Protein backbone atom coordinates (compact mmCIF):
# COMPACT_ATOMS: atom_id res chain seq x y z
CA UNK A 1 0.00 0.00 0.00
CA UNK A 2 1.31 3.43 -0.91
CA UNK A 3 0.78 6.66 0.93
CA UNK A 4 -1.10 9.26 -1.11
CA UNK A 5 0.07 12.80 -1.50
CA UNK A 6 -1.57 15.85 -0.06
CA UNK A 7 -1.74 19.24 -1.68
CA UNK A 8 -3.16 22.61 -0.82
CA UNK A 9 -6.06 24.01 -2.77
CA UNK A 10 -5.98 27.78 -3.10
CA UNK A 11 -9.39 28.10 -4.73
CA UNK A 12 -11.35 31.27 -4.00
CA UNK A 13 -13.15 31.17 -0.63
CA UNK A 14 -16.38 32.95 0.21
CA UNK A 15 -16.05 36.72 0.65
CA UNK A 16 -17.41 38.51 3.72
CA UNK A 17 -17.86 42.27 3.92
CA UNK A 18 -16.32 43.77 7.07
CA UNK A 19 -16.32 47.52 6.27
CA UNK A 20 -12.86 47.68 7.89
CA UNK A 21 -10.73 49.82 5.53
CA UNK A 22 -7.57 47.78 6.20
CA UNK A 23 -9.20 44.43 5.34
CA UNK A 24 -8.38 43.35 1.78
CA UNK A 25 -9.47 40.24 -0.11
CA UNK A 26 -7.94 38.84 -3.28
CA UNK A 27 -10.59 38.08 -5.88
CA UNK A 28 -8.87 35.48 -8.05
CA UNK A 29 -5.31 34.18 -8.05
CA UNK A 30 -2.37 35.56 -6.12
CA UNK A 31 -0.78 36.12 -2.74
CA UNK A 32 0.26 39.11 -0.67
CA UNK A 33 3.95 39.23 0.18
CA UNK A 34 4.92 40.14 3.73
CA UNK A 35 8.21 40.53 5.50
CA UNK A 36 8.45 38.10 8.38
CA UNK A 37 9.98 39.14 11.67
CA UNK A 38 13.10 37.16 10.61
CA UNK A 39 13.40 39.36 7.50
CA UNK A 40 12.48 36.55 5.09
CA UNK A 41 9.54 37.00 2.72
CA UNK A 42 6.32 35.09 3.31
CA UNK A 43 3.21 34.80 1.17
CA UNK A 44 -0.41 34.79 2.33
CA UNK A 45 -3.97 35.18 1.09
CA UNK A 46 -5.10 36.42 4.51
CA UNK A 47 -5.81 40.14 4.10
CA UNK A 48 -6.94 40.95 7.65
CA UNK A 49 -4.44 43.79 7.93
CA UNK A 50 -4.19 46.59 10.47
CA UNK A 51 -1.96 49.57 11.15
CA UNK A 52 0.85 49.29 13.70
CA UNK A 53 1.92 52.10 16.05
CA UNK A 54 3.94 53.76 13.27
CA UNK A 55 1.13 53.55 10.68
CA UNK A 56 2.58 50.61 8.71
CA UNK A 57 0.18 48.11 7.14
CA UNK A 58 0.80 44.78 8.94
CA UNK A 59 -0.73 41.31 9.33
CA UNK A 60 -2.43 40.25 12.54
CA UNK A 61 0.93 38.78 13.66
CA UNK A 62 2.92 41.95 12.95
CA UNK A 63 4.52 41.03 9.60
CA UNK A 64 4.86 44.13 7.38
CA UNK A 65 3.10 44.09 4.01
CA UNK A 66 5.77 44.22 1.29
CA UNK A 67 6.29 46.73 -0.27
CA UNK A 68 5.86 48.69 2.93
CA UNK A 69 2.92 51.07 3.08
CA UNK A 70 2.82 53.66 5.84
CA UNK A 71 -0.36 55.65 6.47
CA UNK A 72 0.63 59.13 7.67
CA UNK A 73 -0.70 60.50 10.95
CA UNK A 74 -3.72 62.71 10.31
CA UNK A 75 -5.09 60.65 7.42
CA UNK A 76 -8.88 60.61 7.46
CA UNK A 77 -9.68 58.20 4.65
CA UNK A 78 -7.78 55.12 3.45
CA UNK A 79 -8.66 53.73 0.01
CA UNK A 80 -7.30 50.56 -1.59
CA UNK A 81 -8.32 50.25 -5.24
CA UNK A 82 -8.83 47.01 -7.17
CA UNK A 83 -5.44 47.52 -8.89
CA UNK A 84 -3.65 47.78 -5.52
CA UNK A 85 -3.20 51.58 -5.45
CA UNK A 86 -3.36 52.83 -1.85
CA UNK A 87 -4.36 56.44 -1.24
CA UNK A 88 -5.29 58.59 1.75
CA UNK A 89 -7.08 61.85 2.28
CA UNK A 90 -5.41 64.09 4.81
CA UNK A 91 -7.43 66.15 7.28
CA UNK A 92 -8.15 69.57 5.84
CA UNK A 93 -7.89 68.29 2.26
CA UNK A 94 -10.40 66.80 -0.15
CA UNK A 95 -7.88 65.46 -2.65
CA UNK A 96 -6.61 61.90 -2.10
CA UNK A 97 -2.86 61.27 -2.32
CA UNK A 98 -1.32 57.96 -3.44
CA UNK A 99 0.99 56.51 -0.77
CA UNK A 100 1.88 53.16 -2.32
CA UNK A 101 0.76 50.08 -4.18
CA UNK A 102 0.02 46.54 -3.05
CA UNK A 103 1.35 43.97 -5.53
CA UNK A 104 0.26 40.37 -5.80
CA UNK A 105 2.53 37.40 -6.37
CA UNK A 106 1.69 34.29 -8.35
CA UNK A 107 3.36 30.88 -8.55
CA UNK A 108 3.55 28.31 -11.34
CA UNK A 109 2.24 25.68 -8.86
CA UNK A 110 0.77 27.28 -5.73
CA UNK A 111 -0.10 23.82 -4.37
CA UNK A 112 3.65 23.24 -3.95
CA UNK A 113 4.12 26.10 -1.45
CA UNK A 114 5.47 25.14 1.98
CA UNK A 115 3.39 26.13 5.01
CA UNK A 116 5.47 28.02 7.59
CA UNK A 117 2.71 28.93 10.08
CA UNK A 118 0.44 31.91 10.78
CA UNK A 119 -1.24 31.57 7.34
CA UNK A 120 2.16 32.12 5.70
CA UNK A 121 3.76 30.11 2.93
CA UNK A 122 7.26 29.96 1.46
CA UNK A 123 8.28 29.05 -2.09
CA UNK A 124 9.67 25.57 -2.66
CA UNK A 125 11.11 23.66 -5.58
CA UNK A 126 7.58 22.38 -6.23
CA UNK A 127 5.93 25.82 -6.33
CA UNK A 128 8.46 27.71 -8.41
CA UNK A 129 9.58 31.27 -7.74
CA UNK A 130 7.20 34.11 -6.92
CA UNK A 131 6.24 36.29 -9.88
CA UNK A 132 5.22 39.87 -9.08
CA UNK A 133 2.02 41.04 -10.77
CA UNK A 134 -0.15 44.13 -10.67
CA UNK A 135 -3.60 43.15 -9.39
CA UNK A 136 -5.88 42.51 -12.36
CA UNK A 137 -3.00 41.83 -14.79
CA UNK A 138 -0.86 38.83 -15.79
CA UNK A 139 -3.26 36.29 -14.28
CA UNK A 140 -3.42 37.93 -10.84
CA UNK A 141 -6.75 38.64 -9.18
CA UNK A 142 -8.02 42.04 -8.12
CA UNK A 143 -8.31 43.49 -4.62
CA UNK A 144 -11.48 44.27 -2.70
CA UNK A 145 -11.26 46.67 0.25
CA UNK A 146 -13.36 46.09 3.36
CA UNK A 147 -13.76 42.40 2.51
CA UNK A 148 -12.15 39.20 3.84
CA UNK A 149 -11.87 35.82 2.17
CA UNK A 150 -13.12 32.87 4.18
CA UNK A 151 -12.05 29.24 4.03
CA UNK A 152 -12.44 27.53 0.66
CA UNK A 153 -13.51 24.23 2.22
CA UNK A 154 -17.03 23.07 1.38
CA UNK A 155 -17.98 21.26 4.60
CA UNK A 156 -20.92 19.28 3.18
CA UNK A 157 -18.91 18.05 0.19
CA UNK A 158 -16.00 17.05 2.43
CA UNK A 159 -18.33 15.10 4.75
CA UNK A 160 -19.87 13.23 1.79
CA UNK A 161 -16.37 12.33 0.52
CA UNK A 162 -15.33 11.19 4.00
CA UNK A 163 -18.41 8.94 4.30
CA UNK A 164 -17.71 7.45 0.85
CA UNK A 165 -14.09 6.75 1.86
CA UNK A 166 -15.27 5.14 5.10
CA UNK A 167 -17.69 2.87 3.19
CA UNK A 168 -14.86 1.86 0.85
CA UNK A 169 -12.66 1.02 3.83
CA UNK A 170 -15.43 -1.09 5.42
CA UNK A 171 -16.01 -2.96 2.17
CA UNK A 172 -12.29 -3.72 1.78
CA UNK A 173 -12.16 -4.88 5.41
CA UNK A 174 -15.05 -7.33 4.82
CA UNK A 175 -13.33 -8.73 1.70
CA UNK A 176 -10.17 -9.36 3.72
CA UNK A 177 -12.15 -11.01 6.53
CA UNK A 178 -13.94 -13.29 4.04
CA UNK A 179 -10.65 -14.28 2.40
CA UNK A 180 -9.16 -15.00 5.83
CA UNK A 181 -12.14 -17.21 6.77
CA UNK A 182 -11.86 -19.13 3.49
CA UNK A 183 -8.12 -19.76 4.08
CA UNK A 184 -8.86 -20.99 7.62
CA UNK A 185 -11.41 -23.50 6.29
CA UNK A 186 -9.00 -24.73 3.63
CA UNK A 187 -6.24 -25.34 6.16
CA UNK A 188 -8.63 -27.21 8.49
CA UNK A 189 -9.62 -29.70 5.69
CA UNK A 190 -6.25 -31.45 5.75
């Protein structure tokens, strides 16, 4: 008997509106790149970002979104467009100013990424190298502000598949038991 392989499925999950201006969902393919506390890059689809004490856009675990985006003190409105352009409106002004751009990163085989914890992944030989892409171009998805992506697991479908696998196991077990009983009877006939 051989062990099967496992792979990650990065299909689009359900989107939930949060109205939080720092929450960003990817609609389609791609990953955000963040700088881990060790300095190494990590990749994630989790866009539940916030601002740290210095105004930098960070993950819930403190990793800085790469390229770094810092919201200046006194900003009254933060906007993240579908193409990744980040702009703010400063108090006393009505004109938004661009402060940076969020890029997405794609992989030849995203299922080959290595999990490193905290919803972060690292490239591996099986995934290929990260390719930078502007959201909405070169096969990358677009961004949606004030929205989070949920899990892509379909619980009912997974339960049905688990029950089918269990029935298959039970059937195979009964075949083995029947074969064992037949061998016992054959050996007792001598």
